[in-house]
Protein backbone atom coordinates (compact mmCIF):
# COMPACT_ATOMS: atom_id res chain seq x y z
CA UNK A 1 28.72 -4.71 -20.16
CA UNK A 2 26.54 -7.83 -20.45
CA UNK A 3 28.41 -10.94 -20.62
CA UNK A 4 27.69 -13.16 -23.24
CA UNK A 5 25.42 -16.60 -22.66
CA UNK A 6 27.82 -19.36 -22.31
CA UNK A 7 27.32 -23.24 -21.65
CA UNK A 8 29.21 -23.30 -18.60
CA UNK A 9 27.36 -24.91 -15.77
CA UNK A 10 26.56 -22.17 -12.81
CA UNK A 11 28.41 -22.45 -9.31
CA UNK A 12 26.86 -24.72 -7.04
CA UNK A 13 24.63 -22.89 -4.45
CA UNK A 14 25.73 -23.14 -0.96
CA UNK A 15 23.11 -24.04 1.44
CA UNK A 16 23.78 -23.31 4.98
CA UNK A 17 23.71 -26.58 7.26
CA UNK A 18 23.86 -28.66 4.07
CA UNK A 19 26.11 -31.68 4.06
CA UNK A 20 29.17 -31.64 1.99
CA UNK A 21 27.92 -32.58 -1.61
CA UNK A 22 24.33 -32.34 -0.44
CA UNK A 23 21.74 -30.02 -2.34
CA UNK A 24 19.26 -29.81 0.36
CA UNK A 25 19.44 -28.82 4.21
CA UNK A 26 17.00 -28.96 6.75
CA UNK A 27 16.32 -25.55 7.94
CA UNK A 28 14.95 -24.87 11.21
CA UNK A 29 11.41 -23.75 11.14
CA UNK A 30 10.09 -21.69 13.69
CA UNK A 31 6.84 -23.01 15.52
CA UNK A 32 3.71 -21.36 14.39
CA UNK A 33 2.56 -20.50 18.23
CA UNK A 34 5.82 -18.00 18.07
CA UNK A 35 4.65 -16.24 14.89
CA UNK A 36 2.99 -12.88 15.76
CA UNK A 37 0.74 -13.82 12.67
CA UNK A 38 -0.71 -16.91 14.43
CA UNK A 39 -3.41 -14.90 16.55
CA UNK A 40 -4.23 -12.76 13.58
CA UNK A 41 -4.70 -16.19 11.48
CA UNK A 42 -7.13 -17.60 14.11
CA UNK A 43 -8.89 -14.59 14.25
CA UNK A 44 -9.03 -14.41 10.61
CA UNK A 45 -10.45 -17.99 10.67
CA UNK A 46 -13.37 -16.94 12.84
CA UNK A 47 -14.22 -14.25 10.73
CA UNK A 48 -14.16 -16.43 7.57
CA UNK A 49 -16.65 -18.77 9.55
CA UNK A 50 -18.91 -16.17 10.50
CA UNK A 51 -19.07 -14.87 7.06
CA UNK A 52 -19.66 -18.40 5.40
CA UNK A 53 -22.44 -18.91 7.77
CA UNK A 54 -24.86 -16.06 6.65
CA UNK A 55 -25.62 -14.86 3.27
CA UNK A 56 -23.54 -11.97 1.55
CA UNK A 57 -26.74 -10.54 0.20
CA UNK A 58 -29.68 -9.50 1.83
CA UNK A 59 -31.94 -11.55 -0.11
CA UNK A 60 -35.15 -9.82 1.49
CA UNK A 61 -33.93 -6.49 0.37
CA UNK A 62 -33.17 -7.34 -3.23
CA UNK A 63 -36.54 -8.83 -3.70
CA UNK A 64 -37.92 -5.60 -2.40
CA UNK A 65 -35.99 -3.55 -4.73
CA UNK A 66 -36.65 -5.85 -7.60
CA UNK A 67 -40.69 -5.53 -6.84
CA UNK A 68 -40.46 -1.88 -6.57
CA UNK A 69 -38.60 -1.78 -10.02
CA UNK A 70 -41.40 -3.98 -11.39
CA UNK A 71 -43.95 -1.77 -9.99
CA UNK A 72 -42.57 1.42 -11.20
CA UNK A 73 -42.26 2.86 -7.64
CA UNK A 74 -38.35 2.58 -7.26
CA UNK A 75 -37.05 5.96 -7.08
CA UNK A 76 -33.11 6.85 -7.70
CA UNK A 77 -31.75 9.17 -5.14
CA UNK A 78 -28.73 10.56 -6.21
CA UNK A 79 -28.08 12.44 -2.92
CA UNK A 80 -27.79 9.13 -1.16
CA UNK A 81 -25.56 7.60 -3.70
CA UNK A 82 -23.38 10.64 -3.54
CA UNK A 83 -22.94 10.50 0.09
CA UNK A 84 -22.56 6.71 0.29
CA UNK A 85 -19.75 6.94 -2.43
CA UNK A 86 -18.08 9.87 -0.20
CA UNK A 87 -18.62 7.83 3.03
CA UNK A 88 -16.80 4.96 1.41
CA UNK A 89 -13.73 6.98 0.01
CA UNK A 90 -13.42 8.24 3.50
CA UNK A 91 -13.60 4.54 5.13
CA UNK A 92 -16.64 5.59 7.03
CA UNK A 93 -19.51 3.03 8.08
CA UNK A 94 -21.89 2.09 5.22
CA UNK A 95 -24.84 4.36 4.45
CA UNK A 96 -28.20 2.75 4.03
């Protein structure tokens, strides 16, 4: 059964390392160098810098596709679309 709501104050939170009567404590923090994620974080930062340096869109290819659509020469290839979708689901490299 659930107790009713009362106006009594909850018990104070006990924080390890806090002085008696203090609400805060200085908890030890591990150094960044000791964390296994630190190396991964540096690598991720490098990847992010590389990605920011280049355009996420192949603008030349987009212009080519637009031109072919406008001229009526763009051909939809369902087989290639299906192959790319299957490869994506399998985690395979991108099909062009």
